[in-house]
N, C-alpha and C. Protein backbone atom coordinates (compact mmCIF):
# COMPACT_ATOMS: atom_id res chain seq x y z
N UNK A 1 90.96 83.09 76.42
CA UNK A 1 91.27 83.36 77.81
C UNK A 1 92.51 84.25 77.87
N UNK A 2 92.49 85.29 78.71
CA UNK A 2 93.65 86.17 78.79
C UNK A 2 94.85 85.46 79.40
N UNK A 3 96.01 85.81 78.90
CA UNK A 3 97.24 85.25 79.45
C UNK A 3 97.65 86.06 80.66
N UNK A 4 98.34 85.43 81.58
CA UNK A 4 98.81 86.12 82.76
C UNK A 4 100.31 85.98 82.91
N UNK A 5 100.87 86.94 83.57
CA UNK A 5 102.30 86.94 83.85
C UNK A 5 102.47 87.67 85.17
N UNK A 6 103.16 87.07 86.10
CA UNK A 6 103.39 87.68 87.41
C UNK A 6 104.84 88.15 87.46
N UNK A 7 105.00 89.42 87.80
CA UNK A 7 106.33 90.00 87.99
C UNK A 7 106.40 90.50 89.42
N UNK A 8 107.44 90.17 90.10
CA UNK A 8 107.57 90.55 91.51
C UNK A 8 108.63 91.62 91.68
N UNK A 9 108.22 92.75 92.18
CA UNK A 9 109.17 93.81 92.53
C UNK A 9 109.85 94.42 91.32
N UNK A 10 110.98 95.03 91.61
CA UNK A 10 111.77 95.70 90.58
C UNK A 10 112.67 94.67 89.92
N UNK A 11 112.24 94.15 88.79
CA UNK A 11 113.03 93.14 88.09
C UNK A 11 114.20 93.75 87.36
N UNK A 12 115.10 92.90 86.93
CA UNK A 12 116.26 93.36 86.17
C UNK A 12 115.81 93.88 84.81
N UNK A 13 116.65 94.66 84.17
CA UNK A 13 116.31 95.16 82.84
C UNK A 13 116.22 94.01 81.85
N UNK A 14 117.07 92.99 82.00
CA UNK A 14 116.99 91.86 81.07
C UNK A 14 115.64 91.15 81.20
N UNK A 15 115.11 91.04 82.42
CA UNK A 15 113.80 90.42 82.59
C UNK A 15 112.70 91.34 82.04
N UNK A 16 112.83 92.64 82.25
CA UNK A 16 111.86 93.59 81.69
C UNK A 16 111.84 93.47 80.16
N UNK A 17 113.00 93.27 79.55
CA UNK A 17 113.08 93.10 78.09
C UNK A 17 112.36 91.83 77.65
N UNK A 18 112.51 90.75 78.41
CA UNK A 18 111.83 89.48 78.10
C UNK A 18 110.32 89.67 78.21
N UNK A 19 109.88 90.33 79.27
CA UNK A 19 108.44 90.60 79.44
C UNK A 19 107.92 91.37 78.23
N UNK A 20 108.62 92.43 77.85
CA UNK A 20 108.18 93.26 76.72
C UNK A 20 108.24 92.50 75.40
N UNK A 21 109.39 91.94 75.09
CA UNK A 21 109.62 91.37 73.76
C UNK A 21 109.00 89.99 73.56
N UNK A 22 109.14 89.13 74.54
CA UNK A 22 108.72 87.74 74.38
C UNK A 22 107.30 87.47 74.84
N UNK A 23 106.78 88.28 75.77
CA UNK A 23 105.47 88.00 76.32
C UNK A 23 104.41 89.00 75.87
N UNK A 24 104.70 90.29 75.97
CA UNK A 24 103.66 91.28 75.74
C UNK A 24 103.53 91.65 74.27
N UNK A 25 104.59 92.09 73.64
CA UNK A 25 104.47 92.53 72.25
C UNK A 25 104.26 91.36 71.30
N UNK A 26 104.58 90.15 71.72
CA UNK A 26 104.35 88.96 70.89
C UNK A 26 102.88 88.54 70.90
N UNK A 27 102.09 89.08 71.81
CA UNK A 27 100.68 88.73 71.95
C UNK A 27 99.84 89.85 71.33
N UNK A 28 98.93 89.55 70.41
CA UNK A 28 98.17 90.61 69.74
C UNK A 28 97.13 91.31 70.62
N UNK A 29 96.82 90.74 71.76
CA UNK A 29 95.81 91.35 72.64
C UNK A 29 96.37 92.57 73.37
N UNK A 30 95.47 93.46 73.80
CA UNK A 30 95.88 94.60 74.61
C UNK A 30 96.54 94.08 75.88
N UNK A 31 97.62 94.72 76.28
CA UNK A 31 98.33 94.33 77.49
C UNK A 31 97.97 95.29 78.61
N UNK A 32 97.49 94.74 79.70
CA UNK A 32 97.10 95.54 80.86
C UNK A 32 98.02 95.18 82.02
N UNK A 33 98.65 96.20 82.58
CA UNK A 33 99.52 96.01 83.74
C UNK A 33 98.66 96.22 84.98
N UNK A 34 98.43 95.14 85.74
CA UNK A 34 97.70 95.23 87.00
C UNK A 34 98.73 95.25 88.12
N UNK A 35 98.70 96.29 88.92
CA UNK A 35 99.68 96.46 89.98
C UNK A 35 99.06 96.07 91.32
N UNK A 36 99.67 95.09 91.94
CA UNK A 36 99.29 94.65 93.29
C UNK A 36 100.52 94.91 94.14
N UNK A 37 100.43 95.94 94.96
CA UNK A 37 101.61 96.30 95.74
C UNK A 37 101.25 97.02 97.01
N UNK A 38 102.23 97.19 97.85
CA UNK A 38 102.05 97.93 99.09
C UNK A 38 101.74 99.38 98.76
N UNK A 39 101.02 100.03 99.67
CA UNK A 39 100.83 101.47 99.54
C UNK A 39 101.97 102.14 100.31
N UNK A 40 103.10 102.21 99.65
CA UNK A 40 104.26 102.92 100.16
C UNK A 40 105.02 103.45 98.96
N UNK A 41 106.07 104.20 99.23
CA UNK A 41 106.75 104.88 98.12
C UNK A 41 107.37 103.90 97.12
N UNK A 42 107.86 102.76 97.57
CA UNK A 42 108.42 101.78 96.65
C UNK A 42 107.33 101.02 95.91
N UNK A 43 106.29 100.61 96.65
CA UNK A 43 105.18 99.90 96.02
C UNK A 43 104.50 100.72 94.95
N UNK A 44 104.35 102.02 95.22
CA UNK A 44 103.74 102.90 94.23
C UNK A 44 104.64 103.07 93.01
N UNK A 45 105.93 103.05 93.21
CA UNK A 45 106.86 103.29 92.12
C UNK A 45 106.96 102.10 91.16
N UNK A 46 106.49 100.93 91.57
CA UNK A 46 106.53 99.76 90.68
C UNK A 46 105.80 100.01 89.37
N UNK A 47 104.65 100.64 89.45
CA UNK A 47 103.87 100.92 88.24
C UNK A 47 104.65 101.82 87.29
N UNK A 48 105.23 102.88 87.81
CA UNK A 48 106.02 103.80 86.99
C UNK A 48 107.23 103.07 86.39
N UNK A 49 107.91 102.29 87.23
CA UNK A 49 109.13 101.60 86.79
C UNK A 49 108.84 100.61 85.67
N UNK A 50 107.86 99.73 85.87
CA UNK A 50 107.55 98.74 84.82
C UNK A 50 107.06 99.42 83.54
N UNK A 51 106.27 100.46 83.69
CA UNK A 51 105.81 101.19 82.51
C UNK A 51 106.95 101.83 81.74
N UNK A 52 107.85 102.48 82.47
CA UNK A 52 108.97 103.18 81.83
C UNK A 52 109.96 102.22 81.19
N UNK A 53 110.24 101.10 81.85
CA UNK A 53 111.27 100.19 81.34
C UNK A 53 110.76 99.24 80.27
N UNK A 54 109.45 99.09 80.15
CA UNK A 54 108.94 98.18 79.12
C UNK A 54 108.20 98.93 78.02
N UNK A 55 107.41 99.94 78.37
CA UNK A 55 106.71 100.74 77.37
C UNK A 55 105.76 99.96 76.48
N UNK A 56 105.14 98.91 77.02
CA UNK A 56 104.35 98.03 76.16
C UNK A 56 102.90 97.84 76.62
N UNK A 57 102.47 98.59 77.61
CA UNK A 57 101.15 98.35 78.18
C UNK A 57 100.10 99.26 77.56
N UNK A 58 98.94 98.71 77.26
CA UNK A 58 97.81 99.51 76.76
C UNK A 58 97.31 100.43 77.87
N UNK A 59 97.33 99.91 79.09
CA UNK A 59 96.97 100.72 80.26
C UNK A 59 97.52 100.03 81.50
N UNK A 60 97.61 100.80 82.57
CA UNK A 60 98.06 100.26 83.86
C UNK A 60 97.00 100.61 84.90
N UNK A 61 96.78 99.70 85.82
CA UNK A 61 95.80 99.93 86.87
C UNK A 61 96.29 99.34 88.18
N UNK A 62 96.28 100.16 89.22
CA UNK A 62 96.63 99.68 90.56
C UNK A 62 95.37 99.11 91.17
N UNK A 63 95.40 97.83 91.49
CA UNK A 63 94.22 97.18 92.07
C UNK A 63 94.37 96.99 93.58
N UNK A 64 95.58 97.03 94.08
CA UNK A 64 95.83 96.87 95.51
C UNK A 64 97.23 97.40 95.78
N UNK A 65 97.50 98.05 96.68
CA UNK A 65 96.73 98.73 97.68
C UNK A 65 96.72 100.20 97.29
N UNK A 66 95.56 100.82 97.25
CA UNK A 66 95.45 102.22 96.85
C UNK A 66 95.24 103.11 98.06
N UNK A 67 95.47 104.39 97.88
CA UNK A 67 95.24 105.37 98.94
C UNK A 67 93.78 105.33 99.37
N UNK A 68 92.86 105.25 98.41
CA UNK A 68 91.43 105.19 98.75
C UNK A 68 91.10 103.97 99.61
N UNK A 69 91.71 102.83 99.32
CA UNK A 69 91.47 101.63 100.12
C UNK A 69 91.99 101.81 101.54
N UNK A 70 93.16 102.42 101.69
CA UNK A 70 93.72 102.68 103.01
C UNK A 70 92.76 103.56 103.81
N UNK A 71 92.26 104.62 103.16
CA UNK A 71 91.34 105.52 103.83
C UNK A 71 90.00 104.85 104.14
N UNK A 72 89.44 104.16 103.17
CA UNK A 72 88.12 103.54 103.32
C UNK A 72 88.09 102.52 104.45
N UNK A 73 89.14 101.72 104.57
CA UNK A 73 89.15 100.66 105.57
C UNK A 73 89.91 101.03 106.84
N UNK A 74 90.39 102.27 106.92
CA UNK A 74 91.09 102.72 108.12
C UNK A 74 92.31 101.89 108.44
N UNK A 75 93.06 101.51 107.41
CA UNK A 75 94.23 100.66 107.61
C UNK A 75 95.33 101.42 108.35
N UNK A 76 95.96 100.78 109.31
CA UNK A 76 97.00 101.47 110.08
C UNK A 76 98.30 101.61 109.28
N UNK A 77 99.01 102.67 109.57
CA UNK A 77 100.32 102.88 108.94
C UNK A 77 101.36 102.09 109.72
N UNK A 78 102.35 101.61 109.03
CA UNK A 78 103.48 100.96 109.68
C UNK A 78 104.73 101.76 109.34
N UNK A 79 105.76 101.55 110.10
CA UNK A 79 106.98 102.31 109.89
C UNK A 79 107.57 101.99 108.52
N UNK A 80 107.95 103.03 107.81
CA UNK A 80 108.52 102.87 106.47
C UNK A 80 110.03 102.75 106.52
N UNK A 81 110.61 102.61 105.34
CA UNK A 81 112.06 102.47 105.21
C UNK A 81 112.70 103.86 105.27
N UNK A 82 113.49 104.07 106.28
CA UNK A 82 114.15 105.36 106.39
C UNK A 82 115.24 105.46 105.33
N UNK A 83 115.36 106.62 104.74
CA UNK A 83 116.37 106.84 103.71
C UNK A 83 115.94 106.49 102.30
N UNK A 84 114.70 106.04 102.11
CA UNK A 84 114.23 105.73 100.75
C UNK A 84 114.12 107.05 99.98
N UNK A 85 114.83 107.20 98.88
CA UNK A 85 114.81 108.47 98.15
C UNK A 85 113.43 108.81 97.56
N UNK A 86 112.54 107.83 97.48
CA UNK A 86 111.19 108.08 96.94
C UNK A 86 110.27 108.69 97.99
N UNK A 87 110.64 108.58 99.27
CA UNK A 87 109.75 108.99 100.36
C UNK A 87 109.33 110.46 100.32
N UNK A 88 110.22 111.44 100.17
CA UNK A 88 109.78 112.84 100.24
C UNK A 88 108.67 113.19 99.24
N UNK A 89 108.79 112.75 98.00
CA UNK A 89 107.76 113.05 97.01
C UNK A 89 106.45 112.33 97.34
N UNK A 90 106.54 111.09 97.80
CA UNK A 90 105.36 110.33 98.19
C UNK A 90 104.66 111.02 99.36
N UNK A 91 105.45 111.45 100.35
CA UNK A 91 104.89 112.13 101.52
C UNK A 91 104.18 113.43 101.11
N UNK A 92 104.79 114.19 100.23
CA UNK A 92 104.14 115.43 99.76
C UNK A 92 102.84 115.14 99.02
N UNK A 93 102.87 114.11 98.18
CA UNK A 93 101.70 113.76 97.38
C UNK A 93 100.49 113.39 98.25
N UNK A 94 100.74 112.73 99.37
CA UNK A 94 99.64 112.24 100.20
C UNK A 94 99.51 112.95 101.54
N UNK A 95 100.30 114.00 101.76
CA UNK A 95 100.18 114.79 102.97
C UNK A 95 100.74 114.14 104.23
N UNK A 96 101.75 113.29 104.08
CA UNK A 96 102.38 112.66 105.24
C UNK A 96 103.51 113.54 105.76
N UNK A 97 103.87 113.31 107.02
CA UNK A 97 105.01 113.97 107.64
C UNK A 97 106.28 113.43 106.98
N UNK A 98 107.03 114.32 106.36
CA UNK A 98 108.22 113.88 105.61
C UNK A 98 109.33 113.36 106.51
N UNK A 99 109.26 113.66 107.79
CA UNK A 99 110.30 113.21 108.71
C UNK A 99 110.01 111.82 109.29
N UNK A 100 108.83 111.27 108.97
CA UNK A 100 108.43 109.97 109.55
C UNK A 100 107.90 109.04 108.45
N UNK A 101 108.79 108.30 107.81
CA UNK A 101 108.34 107.40 106.73
C UNK A 101 107.35 106.35 107.24
N UNK A 102 106.29 106.18 106.51
CA UNK A 102 105.29 105.15 106.82
C UNK A 102 104.98 104.35 105.57
């Protein structure tokens, strides 16, 4: 049976080291990072952040919430965090108005 580990948000580097050293690389099975997060600039960045700080995943896959799911189900946008430095690149990537974070 596959082992599971839940990580919430942007964890500390010391916790990322524990995930990598004590949980993932200590297990001989392929490690898959499943990302369950908001479809916003911070939620999207979780995958990049955990991958970069741990470097131990065989693959990463976003299972929720993806741009395709937002489009397919017509999910409404909510107001985003103003001043988030990740917003401009996220807005360009998905064609959002850069002056109105969602």
